[in-house]
C-alpha atoms as a PDB file:
ATOM      1  CA  MET A   1      33.229  12.420  75.774  1.00  0.00           C
ATOM      2  CA  ASP A   2      35.577   9.468  75.385  1.00  0.00           C
ATOM      3  CA  CYS A   3      38.538   9.421  73.650  1.00  0.00           C
ATOM      4  CA  PRO A   4      38.177   6.982  70.312  1.00  0.00           C
ATOM      5  CA  ASN A   5      41.238   5.210  71.132  1.00  0.00           C
ATOM      6  CA  CYS A   6      41.613   4.286  74.556  1.00  0.00           C
ATOM      7  CA  HIS A   7      38.552   5.542  75.719  1.00  0.00           C
ATOM      8  CA  LEU A   8      39.386   7.599  77.894  1.00  0.00           C
ATOM      9  CA  SER A   9      37.346   9.670  79.758  1.00  0.00           C
ATOM     10  CA  GLN A  10      37.910  13.716  78.459  1.00  0.00           C
ATOM     11  CA  PRO A  11      36.189  17.099  78.820  1.00  0.00           C
ATOM     12  CA  ALA A  12      33.697  18.783  76.543  1.00  0.00           C
ATOM     13  CA  GLU A  13      36.069  21.107  75.480  1.00  0.00           C
ATOM     14  CA  SER A  14      39.241  18.772  74.912  1.00  0.00           C
ATOM     15  CA  LYS A  15      40.873  18.815  71.733  1.00  0.00           C
ATOM     16  CA  LYS A  16      43.747  15.699  72.453  1.00  0.00           C
ATOM     17  CA  CYS A  17      43.342  13.137  75.086  1.00  0.00           C
ATOM     18  CA  GLY A  18      45.545  13.374  77.656  1.00  0.00           C
ATOM     19  CA  ARG A  19      46.224   9.613  77.938  1.00  0.00           C
ATOM     20  CA  CYS A  20      47.112   9.008  74.653  1.00  0.00           C
ATOM     21  CA  GLY A  21      47.861  12.111  72.723  1.00  0.00           C
ATOM     22  CA  ILE A  22      46.107  11.815  69.790  1.00  0.00           C
ATOM     23  CA  VAL A  23      44.042  14.850  68.268  1.00  0.00           C
ATOM     24  CA  PHE A  24      40.398  14.289  68.198  1.00  0.00           C
ATOM     25  CA  THR A  25      39.997  16.263  64.309  1.00  0.00           C
ATOM     26  CA  ALA A  26      42.511  13.656  62.979  1.00  0.00           C
ATOM     27  CA  TRP A  27      41.507  10.867  64.317  1.00  0.00           C
ATOM     28  CA  GLU A  28      38.203  11.671  62.697  1.00  0.00           C
ATOM     29  CA  LYS A  29      39.249  12.272  59.620  1.00  0.00           C
ATOM     30  CA  SER A  30      41.685   9.112  59.301  1.00  0.00           C
ATOM     31  CA  HIS A  31      39.205   7.017  60.293  1.00  0.00           C
ATOM     32  CA  GLU A  32      35.769   7.921  57.996  1.00  0.00           C
ATOM     33  CA  PRO A  33      34.647   5.011  56.612  1.00  0.00           C
ATOM     34  CA  GLU A  34      35.692   4.883  53.145  1.00  0.00           C
ATOM     35  CA  ALA A  35      32.803   4.903  50.387  1.00  0.00           C
ATOM     36  CA  GLY A  36      31.133   1.733  49.513  1.00  0.00           C
ATOM     37  CA  PRO A  37      31.021   0.785  45.287  1.00  0.00           C
ATOM     38  CA  PRO A  38      28.131   3.305  43.549  1.00  0.00           C
ATOM     39  CA  ALA A  39      25.034   1.464  43.567  1.00  0.00           C
ATOM     40  CA  GLU A  40      23.894  -0.075  40.514  1.00  0.00           C
ATOM     41  CA  LYS A  41      21.164   1.432  38.194  1.00  0.00           C
ATOM     42  CA  PRO A  42      18.021  -0.888  37.930  1.00  0.00           C
ATOM     43  CA  ILE A  43      17.925  -2.206  33.901  1.00  0.00           C
ATOM     44  CA  SER A  44      15.510  -0.518  32.394  1.00  0.00           C
ATOM     45  CA  LEU A  45      13.143  -2.802  29.891  1.00  0.00           C
ATOM     46  CA  LEU A  46      11.789   0.464  28.708  1.00  0.00           C
ATOM     47  CA  TYR A  47      13.652   0.769  25.186  1.00  0.00           C
ATOM     48  CA  PRO A  48      13.848  -3.112  24.361  1.00  0.00           C
ATOM     49  CA  LEU A  49      10.455  -3.586  25.021  1.00  0.00           C
ATOM     50  CA  LEU A  50       9.880  -0.427  22.827  1.00  0.00           C
ATOM     51  CA  ALA A  51      11.928  -2.087  20.122  1.00  0.00           C
ATOM     52  CA  ALA A  52       9.984  -5.341  20.170  1.00  0.00           C
ATOM     53  CA  GLY A  53       6.565  -3.572  20.018  1.00  0.00           C
ATOM     54  CA  ILE A  54       8.028  -1.927  17.004  1.00  0.00           C
ATOM     55  CA  VAL A  55       9.471  -4.882  15.402  1.00  0.00           C
ATOM     56  CA  GLY A  56       6.033  -6.713  16.156  1.00  0.00           C
ATOM     57  CA  LEU A  57       4.352  -3.864  14.589  1.00  0.00           C
ATOM     58  CA  ALA A  58       5.820  -3.856  10.997  1.00  0.00           C
ATOM     59  CA  GLY A  59       6.476  -7.851  10.857  1.00  0.00           C
ATOM     60  CA  TRP A  60       2.605  -7.682  11.532  1.00  0.00           C
ATOM     61  CA  TRP A  61       2.077  -4.879   8.939  1.00  0.00           C
ATOM     62  CA  LEU A  62       4.457  -6.385   6.199  1.00  0.00           C
ATOM     63  CA  PHE A  63       2.749 -10.253   6.728  1.00  0.00           C
ATOM     64  CA  PHE A  64      -0.811 -10.343   8.040  1.00  0.00           C
ATOM     65  CA  PRO A  65      -3.477  -8.684   5.231  1.00  0.00           C
ATOM     66  CA  ALA A  66      -6.067  -6.465   6.452  1.00  0.00           C
ATOM     67  CA  LYS A  67      -9.434  -8.027   6.440  1.00  0.00           C
ATOM     68  CA  GLY A  68     -11.803  -6.681   4.072  1.00  0.00           C
ATOM     69  CA  LEU A  69     -15.456  -5.709   3.826  1.00  0.00           C
ATOM     70  CA  ALA A  70     -18.670  -7.860   4.085  1.00  0.00           C
ATOM     71  CA  MET A  71     -19.330 -10.055   0.890  1.00  0.00           C
ATOM     72  CA  PRO A  72     -22.426  -7.532  -0.711  1.00  0.00           C
ATOM     73  CA  LYS A  73     -25.427 -10.015  -1.959  1.00  0.00           C
ATOM     74  CA  ASP A  74     -25.453 -11.403  -4.919  1.00  0.00           C
ATOM     75  CA  ALA A  75     -22.051 -11.043  -5.769  1.00  0.00           C
ATOM     76  CA  PHE A  76     -20.236 -12.575  -8.029  1.00  0.00           C
ATOM     77  CA  ILE A  77     -17.272 -14.374  -7.149  1.00  0.00           C
ATOM     78  CA  HIS A  78     -14.574 -14.926  -9.485  1.00  0.00           C
ATOM     79  CA  ASP A  79     -12.558 -18.375  -8.162  1.00  0.00           C
ATOM     80  CA  TYR A  80      -9.728 -17.959 -10.055  1.00  0.00           C
ATOM     81  CA  CYS A  81      -9.024 -14.661 -10.374  1.00  0.00           C
ATOM     82  CA  HIS A  82      -9.544 -14.233  -6.342  1.00  0.00           C
ATOM     83  CA  PHE A  83     -12.146 -11.592  -6.973  1.00  0.00           C
ATOM     84  CA  ALA A  84     -16.126 -10.798  -5.803  1.00  0.00           C
ATOM     85  CA  VAL A  85     -17.829  -7.716  -7.612  1.00  0.00           C
ATOM     86  CA  THR A  86     -22.040  -7.624  -7.424  1.00  0.00           C
ATOM     87  CA  PRO A  87     -23.430  -7.589 -11.317  1.00  0.00           C
ATOM     88  CA  LEU A  88     -24.776  -3.559 -12.337  1.00  0.00           C
ATOM     89  CA  PRO A  89     -28.757  -3.545 -12.310  1.00  0.00           C
ATOM     90  CA  GLY A  90     -29.394  -2.640 -15.980  1.00  0.00           C
ATOM     91  CA  TRP A  91     -26.165  -3.494 -17.451  1.00  0.00           C
ATOM     92  CA  GLU A  92     -25.030  -6.735 -19.071  1.00  0.00           C
ATOM     93  CA  LEU A  93     -21.773  -9.109 -19.487  1.00  0.00           C
ATOM     94  CA  VAL A  94     -20.394  -9.108 -22.161  1.00  0.00           C
ATOM     95  CA  ARG A  95     -16.622 -10.689 -21.280  1.00  0.00           C
ATOM     96  CA  GLY A  96     -14.761 -12.986 -18.843  1.00  0.00           C
ATOM     97  CA  ALA A  97     -17.078 -13.837 -15.790  1.00  0.00           C
ATOM     98  CA  THR A  98     -18.392 -16.933 -17.231  1.00  0.00           C
ATOM     99  CA  GLN A  99     -14.633 -17.800 -18.946  1.00  0.00           C
ATOM    100  CA  PRO A 100     -11.495 -19.311 -17.147  1.00  0.00           C
ATOM    101  CA  ILE A 101      -8.694 -16.850 -16.908  1.00  0.00           C
ATOM    102  CA  GLU A 102      -5.409 -17.336 -16.517  1.00  0.00           C
ATOM    103  CA  CYS A 103      -4.723 -15.442 -13.112  1.00  0.00           C
ATOM    104  CA  ALA A 104      -0.952 -15.652 -12.028  1.00  0.00           C
ATOM    105  CA  SER A 105      -1.414 -16.988  -8.417  1.00  0.00           C
ATOM    106  CA  ALA A 106       1.768 -14.766  -7.821  1.00  0.00           C
ATOM    107  CA  ASP A 107       4.122 -12.515  -8.674  1.00  0.00           C
ATOM    108  CA  SER A 108       8.375 -12.883  -8.546  1.00  0.00           C
ATOM    109  CA  THR A 109       8.482  -9.627  -6.818  1.00  0.00           C
ATOM    110  CA  PHE A 110      10.295  -7.557  -9.509  1.00  0.00           C
ATOM    111  CA  GLY A 111       7.830  -8.545 -12.267  1.00  0.00           C
ATOM    112  CA  ALA A 112       5.576 -10.855 -13.575  1.00  0.00           C
ATOM    113  CA  PRO A 113       5.588 -14.223 -14.763  1.00  0.00           C
ATOM    114  CA  ILE A 114       6.850 -14.767 -18.182  1.00  0.00           C
ATOM    115  CA  GLY A 115       4.945 -15.638 -21.186  1.00  0.00           C
ATOM    116  CA  PHE A 116       1.603 -14.116 -18.993  1.00  0.00           C
ATOM    117  CA  VAL A 117      -1.106 -12.876 -21.213  1.00  0.00           C
ATOM    118  CA  ASN A 118      -2.581  -9.515 -19.180  1.00  0.00           C
ATOM    119  CA  LYS A 119      -6.827 -10.076 -20.216  1.00  0.00           C
ATOM    120  CA  PRO A 120      -9.763  -8.643 -18.400  1.00  0.00           C
ATOM    121  CA  ALA A 121     -11.580 -10.987 -16.281  1.00  0.00           C
ATOM    122  CA  MET A 122     -14.476  -9.494 -16.344  1.00  0.00           C
ATOM    123  CA  GLY A 123     -16.029  -6.992 -17.933  1.00  0.00           C
ATOM    124  CA  PHE A 124     -19.756  -5.009 -18.372  1.00  0.00           C
ATOM    125  CA  ARG A 125     -21.530  -2.883 -20.483  1.00  0.00           C
ATOM    126  CA  MET A 126     -24.850  -0.598 -19.899  1.00  0.00           C
ATOM    127  CA  LYS A 127     -27.955  -2.633 -21.634  1.00  0.00           C
ATOM    128  CA  GLY A 128     -30.360  -1.581 -24.333  1.00  0.00           C
ATOM    129  CA  THR A 129     -29.535  -0.194 -28.471  1.00  0.00           C
ATOM    130  CA  THR A 130     -29.239   3.459 -27.350  1.00  0.00           C
ATOM    131  CA  ALA A 131     -26.097   4.666 -26.155  1.00  0.00           C
ATOM    132  CA  VAL A 132     -25.407   7.106 -23.489  1.00  0.00           C
ATOM    133  CA  GLY A 133     -23.629   9.823 -25.735  1.00  0.00           C
ATOM    134  CA  HIS A 134     -21.583   8.121 -28.369  1.00  0.00           C
ATOM    135  CA  MET A 135     -20.674   4.944 -27.005  1.00  0.00           C
ATOM    136  CA  ARG A 136     -22.296   2.852 -24.220  1.00  0.00           C
ATOM    137  CA  PRO A 137     -20.611   3.005 -20.823  1.00  0.00           C
ATOM    138  CA  ILE A 138     -18.300  -0.007 -19.604  1.00  0.00           C
ATOM    139  CA  PHE A 139     -16.565  -0.952 -16.584  1.00  0.00           C
ATOM    140  CA  MET A 140     -14.089  -3.917 -17.060  1.00  0.00           C
ATOM    141  CA  VAL A 141     -11.802  -5.807 -14.275  1.00  0.00           C
ATOM    142  CA  ILE A 142      -8.802  -6.434 -15.683  1.00  0.00           C
ATOM    143  CA  VAL A 143      -5.872  -8.699 -14.004  1.00  0.00           C
ATOM    144  CA  ILE A 144      -2.463  -7.386 -13.975  1.00  0.00           C
ATOM    145  CA  PRO A 145       0.076 -10.108 -12.828  1.00  0.00           C
ATOM    146  CA  THR A 146       2.278  -7.953  -9.904  1.00  0.00           C
ATOM    147  CA  GLN A 147       1.401  -6.356  -7.079  1.00  0.00           C
ATOM    148  CA  LEU A 148       0.779  -2.487  -7.003  1.00  0.00           C
ATOM    149  CA  PRO A 149       3.694  -0.751  -4.936  1.00  0.00           C
ATOM    150  CA  VAL A 150       2.953   0.856  -1.367  1.00  0.00           C
ATOM    151  CA  LEU A 151       1.489   4.260  -2.787  1.00  0.00           C
ATOM    152  CA  THR A 152       4.061   7.211  -2.269  1.00  0.00           C
ATOM    153  CA  ASP A 153       3.921  10.265  -4.128  1.00  0.00           C
ATOM    154  CA  ALA A 154       6.968   9.034  -6.469  1.00  0.00           C
ATOM    155  CA  THR A 155       4.725   5.706  -6.886  1.00  0.00           C
ATOM    156  CA  LEU A 156       1.926   7.586  -7.644  1.00  0.00           C
ATOM    157  CA  LYS A 157       3.829   9.607  -9.982  1.00  0.00           C
ATOM    158  CA  HIS A 158       5.487   6.801 -12.025  1.00  0.00           C
ATOM    159  CA  ALA A 159       2.109   4.431 -12.127  1.00  0.00           C
ATOM    160  CA  ALA A 160       0.405   7.822 -13.999  1.00  0.00           C
ATOM    161  CA  GLU A 161       3.484   8.294 -16.060  1.00  0.00           C
ATOM    162  CA  ASP A 162       3.532   4.346 -17.023  1.00  0.00           C
ATOM    163  CA  PHE A 163      -0.380   4.686 -18.197  1.00  0.00           C
ATOM    164  CA  TRP A 164      -0.084   7.939 -20.454  1.00  0.00           C
ATOM    165  CA  ASN A 165       2.958   7.222 -22.427  1.00  0.00           C
ATOM    166  CA  ALA A 166       1.207   4.072 -22.965  1.00  0.00           C
ATOM    167  CA  ALA A 167      -1.752   5.767 -24.287  1.00  0.00           C
ATOM    168  CA  ARG A 168       0.906   7.402 -26.197  1.00  0.00           C
ATOM    169  CA  ASN A 169       2.027   4.548 -28.122  1.00  0.00           C
ATOM    170  CA  ILE A 170      -1.784   2.947 -29.192  1.00  0.00           C
ATOM    171  CA  PRO A 171      -2.093   3.681 -32.545  1.00  0.00           C
ATOM    172  CA  ALA A 172      -6.297   3.433 -31.827  1.00  0.00           C
ATOM    173  CA  ILE A 173      -5.950   6.414 -29.636  1.00  0.00           C
ATOM    174  CA  ALA A 174      -5.797   9.335 -30.738  1.00  0.00           C
ATOM    175  CA  THR A 175      -5.229  12.027 -28.520  1.00  0.00           C
ATOM    176  CA  PHE A 176      -5.426  12.229 -24.793  1.00  0.00           C
ATOM    177  CA  GLN A 177      -5.824  14.494 -21.852  1.00  0.00           C
ATOM    178  CA  PRO A 178      -4.039  13.461 -18.253  1.00  0.00           C
ATOM    179  CA  GLY A 179      -6.136  14.009 -15.187  1.00  0.00           C
ATOM    180  CA  THR A 180      -5.608  13.559 -11.469  1.00  0.00           C
ATOM    181  CA  VAL A 181      -3.623  11.033  -9.818  1.00  0.00           C
ATOM    182  CA  GLY A 182      -4.488  10.191  -6.212  1.00  0.00           C
ATOM    183  CA  ARG A 183      -5.407   7.040  -3.158  1.00  0.00           C
ATOM    184  CA  VAL A 184      -8.633   5.820  -2.498  1.00  0.00           C
ATOM    185  CA  LYS A 185      -9.640   3.287  -0.010  1.00  0.00           C
ATOM    186  CA  LEU A 186     -11.902  -0.162  -1.527  1.00  0.00           C
ATOM    187  CA  ASP A 187     -12.487  -3.339   0.218  1.00  0.00           C
ATOM    188  CA  ASN A 188     -10.569  -1.445   3.060  1.00  0.00           C
ATOM    189  CA  LEU A 189      -7.471  -1.350   0.905  1.00  0.00           C
ATOM    190  CA  GLN A 190      -5.276   1.121  -0.456  1.00  0.00           C
ATOM    191  CA  ALA A 191      -6.050   1.792  -4.201  1.00  0.00           C
ATOM    192  CA  LEU A 192      -4.636   4.221  -7.016  1.00  0.00           C
ATOM    193  CA  ARG A 193      -7.060   6.142  -8.945  1.00  0.00           C
ATOM    194  CA  LEU A 194      -6.652   7.416 -11.863  1.00  0.00           C
ATOM    195  CA  ASP A 195      -8.234   9.969 -14.304  1.00  0.00           C
ATOM    196  CA  GLY A 196      -8.393  11.399 -17.787  1.00  0.00           C
ATOM    197  CA  THR A 197     -10.096  12.164 -21.401  1.00  0.00           C
ATOM    198  CA  ILE A 198      -8.926   9.851 -24.721  1.00  0.00           C
ATOM    199  CA  ARG A 199      -9.892  10.219 -27.523  1.00  0.00           C
ATOM    200  CA  PHE A 200     -10.031   7.211 -29.653  1.00  0.00           C
ATOM    201  CA  ALA A 201      -9.490   6.787 -33.228  1.00  0.00           C
ATOM    202  CA  SER A 202     -12.894   5.636 -34.351  1.00  0.00           C
ATOM    203  CA  ALA A 203     -14.811   7.653 -32.389  1.00  0.00           C
ATOM    204  CA  SER A 204     -16.655  10.772 -32.809  1.00  0.00           C
ATOM    205  CA  GLY A 205     -16.421  12.145 -29.686  1.00  0.00           C
ATOM    206  CA  ASP A 206     -14.076  12.080 -25.747  1.00  0.00           C
ATOM    207  CA  ALA A 207     -14.023   9.379 -23.177  1.00  0.00           C
ATOM    208  CA  ARG A 208     -13.912  10.069 -19.817  1.00  0.00           C
ATOM    209  CA  VAL A 209     -12.510   7.228 -18.548  1.00  0.00           C
ATOM    210  CA  VAL A 210     -11.359   6.078 -14.823  1.00  0.00           C
ATOM    211  CA  LEU A 211      -9.194   3.459 -12.917  1.00  0.00           C
ATOM    212  CA  HIS A 212      -8.669   1.736  -9.753  1.00  0.00           C
ATOM    213  CA  ALA A 213      -6.041  -0.062  -9.108  1.00  0.00           C
ATOM    214  CA  VAL A 214      -6.433  -2.560  -6.365  1.00  0.00           C
ATOM    215  CA  PRO A 215      -3.455  -4.917  -5.093  1.00  0.00           C
ATOM    216  CA  GLY A 216      -4.583  -8.134  -4.694  1.00  0.00           C
ATOM    217  CA  ARG A 217      -1.812 -11.008  -3.240  1.00  0.00           C
ATOM    218  CA  GLY A 218       0.615 -11.161  -6.582  1.00  0.00           C
ATOM    219  CA  ARG A 219      -1.618  -9.279  -8.828  1.00  0.00           C
ATOM    220  CA  THR A 220      -3.193  -5.727  -9.049  1.00  0.00           C
ATOM    221  CA  TYR A 221      -6.688  -5.441 -10.195  1.00  0.00           C
ATOM    222  CA  VAL A 222      -7.386  -2.646 -12.071  1.00  0.00           C
ATOM    223  CA  LEU A 223     -11.211  -1.683 -12.389  1.00  0.00           C
ATOM    224  CA  PHE A 224     -11.398   0.224 -16.081  1.00  0.00           C
ATOM    225  CA  TRP A 225     -14.627   2.222 -16.329  1.00  0.00           C
ATOM    226  CA  ALA A 226     -15.215   4.405 -19.543  1.00  0.00           C
ATOM    227  CA  ALA A 227     -18.246   6.607 -21.066  1.00  0.00           C
ATOM    228  CA  ASP A 228     -18.795   9.048 -22.987  1.00  0.00           C
ATOM    229  CA  ALA A 229     -17.018  12.088 -21.199  1.00  0.00           C
ATOM    230  CA  ALA A 230     -20.359  14.992 -21.786  1.00  0.00           C
ATOM    231  CA  PHE A 231     -21.970  12.412 -20.327  1.00  0.00           C
ATOM    232  CA  SER A 232     -19.704  11.520 -17.244  1.00  0.00           C
ATOM    233  CA  GLU A 233     -21.220  13.426 -15.084  1.00  0.00           C
ATOM    234  CA  ASP A 234     -25.840  11.785 -15.658  1.00  0.00           C
ATOM    235  CA  PRO A 235     -26.367   9.840 -12.670  1.00  0.00           C
ATOM    236  CA  ARG A 236     -27.039   7.154 -14.281  1.00  0.00           C
ATOM    237  CA  ILE A 237     -23.582   6.913 -15.412  1.00  0.00           C
ATOM    238  CA  VAL A 238     -22.278   8.471 -11.834  1.00  0.00           C
ATOM    239  CA  LYS A 239     -24.152   5.350  -9.741  1.00  0.00           C
ATOM    240  CA  SER A 240     -22.913   3.018 -11.759  1.00  0.00           C
ATOM    241  CA  LEU A 241     -19.504   3.671 -10.739  1.00  0.00           C
ATOM    242  CA  GLU A 242     -19.949   3.743  -7.138  1.00  0.00           C
ATOM    243  CA  PHE A 243     -21.717   0.990  -7.301  1.00  0.00           C
ATOM    244  CA  VAL A 244     -19.269  -1.924  -8.746  1.00  0.00           C
ATOM    245  CA  LEU A 245     -16.587   0.111  -6.795  1.00  0.00           C
ATOM    246  CA  TRP A 246     -18.880  -0.361  -3.324  1.00  0.00           C
ATOM    247  CA  THR A 247     -19.515  -4.024  -4.180  1.00  0.00           C
ATOM    248  CA  PHE A 248     -15.754  -4.680  -5.433  1.00  0.00           C
ATOM    249  CA  ARG A 249     -13.685  -7.051  -2.488  1.00  0.00           C
ATOM    250  CA  VAL A 250     -10.346  -8.603  -2.855  1.00  0.00           C
ATOM    251  CA  ARG A 251     -10.959 -12.829  -1.334  1.00  0.00           C
ATOM    252  CA  GLU A 252      -7.257 -13.692  -1.436  1.00  0.00           C
ATOM    253  CA  ARG A 253      -5.508 -10.101   0.894  1.00  0.00           C
ATOM    254  CA  PRO A 254      -2.090  -8.778  -0.377  1.00  0.00           C
ATOM    255  CA  LEU A 255       0.622  -9.104   1.507  1.00  0.00           C
ATOM    256  CA  ASN A 256       2.349  -5.443   2.469  1.00  0.00           C
ATOM    257  CA  TYR A 257       5.819  -6.341   2.113  1.00  0.00           C
ATOM    258  CA  GLY A 258       5.293  -7.393  -2.100  1.00  0.00           C
ATOM    259  CA  GLY A 259       3.650  -3.469  -2.200  1.00  0.00           C
ATOM    260  CA  ALA A 260       7.047  -2.626   0.542  1.00  0.00           C
ATOM    261  CA  VAL A 261       9.396  -3.846  -2.070  1.00  0.00           C
ATOM    262  CA  LYS A 262       8.397  -2.392  -5.322  1.00  0.00           C
ATOM    263  CA  ALA A 263       8.263   0.483  -3.914  1.00  0.00           C
ATOM    264  CA  LEU A 264      11.777   0.325  -3.309  1.00  0.00           C
ATOM    265  CA  VAL A 265      12.507  -0.605  -6.191  1.00  0.00           C
ATOM    266  CA  GLU A 266      11.086   2.907  -7.382  1.00  0.00           C
ATOM    267  CA  GLU A 267      13.110   4.450  -5.203  1.00  0.00           C
ATOM    268  CA  GLY A 268      16.095   2.510  -5.912  1.00  0.00           C
ATOM    269  CA  VAL A 269      15.584   3.544  -9.626  1.00  0.00           C
ATOM    270  CA  ARG A 270      14.841   7.252  -8.733  1.00  0.00           C
ATOM    271  CA  LEU A 271      18.042   6.866  -6.748  1.00  0.00           C
ATOM    272  CA  GLY A 272      20.100   5.889  -9.391  1.00  0.00           C
ATOM    273  CA  VAL A 273      21.010   2.225  -7.668  1.00  0.00           C
ATOM    274  CA  PHE A 274      18.453  -0.013 -10.105  1.00  0.00           C
ATOM    275  CA  SER A 275      18.355   0.831 -13.536  1.00  0.00           C
ATOM    276  CA  GLN A 276      14.522   1.730 -15.061  1.00  0.00           C
ATOM    277  CA  ALA A 277      15.107  -2.234 -16.451  1.00  0.00           C
ATOM    278  CA  LYS A 278      14.705  -3.011 -13.189  1.00  0.00           C
ATOM    279  CA  ARG A 279      11.021  -0.949 -12.571  1.00  0.00           C
ATOM    280  CA  LYS A 280       9.917  -2.204 -15.655  1.00  0.00           C
ATOM    281  CA  ALA A 281       8.606  -5.452 -15.095  1.00  0.00           C
ATOM    282  CA  GLN A 282       6.573  -4.522 -12.467  1.00  0.00           C
ATOM    283  CA  ARG A 283       4.241  -1.612 -14.004  1.00  0.00           C
ATOM    284  CA  VAL A 284       0.653  -1.622 -12.934  1.00  0.00           C
ATOM    285  CA  LEU A 285      -0.835   0.508 -15.179  1.00  0.00           C
ATOM    286  CA  ALA A 286       1.052   0.595 -18.321  1.00  0.00           C
ATOM    287  CA  PRO A 287      -0.679  -2.616 -19.635  1.00  0.00           C
ATOM    288  CA  ALA A 288      -3.831  -1.762 -18.359  1.00  0.00           C
ATOM    289  CA  LEU A 289      -5.168   0.041 -21.931  1.00  0.00           C
ATOM    290  CA  SER A 290      -4.086  -2.639 -24.573  1.00  0.00           C
ATOM    291  CA  ALA A 291      -6.419  -5.247 -22.762  1.00  0.00           C
ATOM    292  CA  TYR A 292      -9.759  -2.473 -22.549  1.00  0.00           C
ATOM    293  CA  LEU A 293      -9.168  -2.483 -26.049  1.00  0.00           C
ATOM    294  CA  GLY A 294      -8.820  -6.402 -26.897  1.00  0.00           C
ATOM    295  CA  GLY A 295     -11.604  -7.340 -24.099  1.00  0.00           C
ATOM    296  CA  ILE A 296     -13.545  -4.248 -26.698  1.00  0.00           C
ATOM    297  CA  LYS A 297     -12.768  -6.415 -29.890  1.00  0.00           C
ATOM    298  CA  GLY A 298     -13.012  -9.368 -28.270  1.00  0.00           C
END
């Protein structure tokens, strides 16, 4: 081997150079190469891409509404209120389809435009002089000028409370019995379904009512169906309700951000951040009963 300092050839077992005197082990330690800077880790794009994807999906959901189902044959299109429904076979038009109706183009996020009166935009009643039970079944589309909140457990509970509290304060209603409340899909939109029985003061029996609240852009369509409770399972009645629900279409699709904001208001009221007055203006089902009764009288 050679001395690393003076390059004199040395016996293999030498520990010290005979010429320059360096100790080989000490030399090796003092001349070890210095460690360089740590290698830089490559920057991962995984998390930024995930965040961008989540933001993109949220934006798409908030501002790009879901497409509706194909328009059914022979549907009546209500151009002013932006919905469509197919007339029921064996039923007659009793209100609204050919009459102008004030429909809010959009609400103010926290409530309806001032001065708007909730009215049925359309109403059908079963034809014939013979009632099914003590009344002829009736179906109405009532336009409420505030968008349905995103349906959480809290918003479902509040909507049902609003409806039955309104029933308690209407003199024309003698008694009522709340039923169920839940979520259903109508025209590819999440809708609220509520049912129960009502005894109107002028009636000789109970009426079964079934409501479907369907969101539109800046408004809600309340599909109000009522029939004699004793005949509510009659095949003619059941099929009539199924038919109108199957053919109902929302032509101006709702933007989800409106419903999301209203759901946040509901939660804020529950937590005490907002007062009850904040959500009072955006109640969807509270006006439906009075509008229905007004539609019958009108």
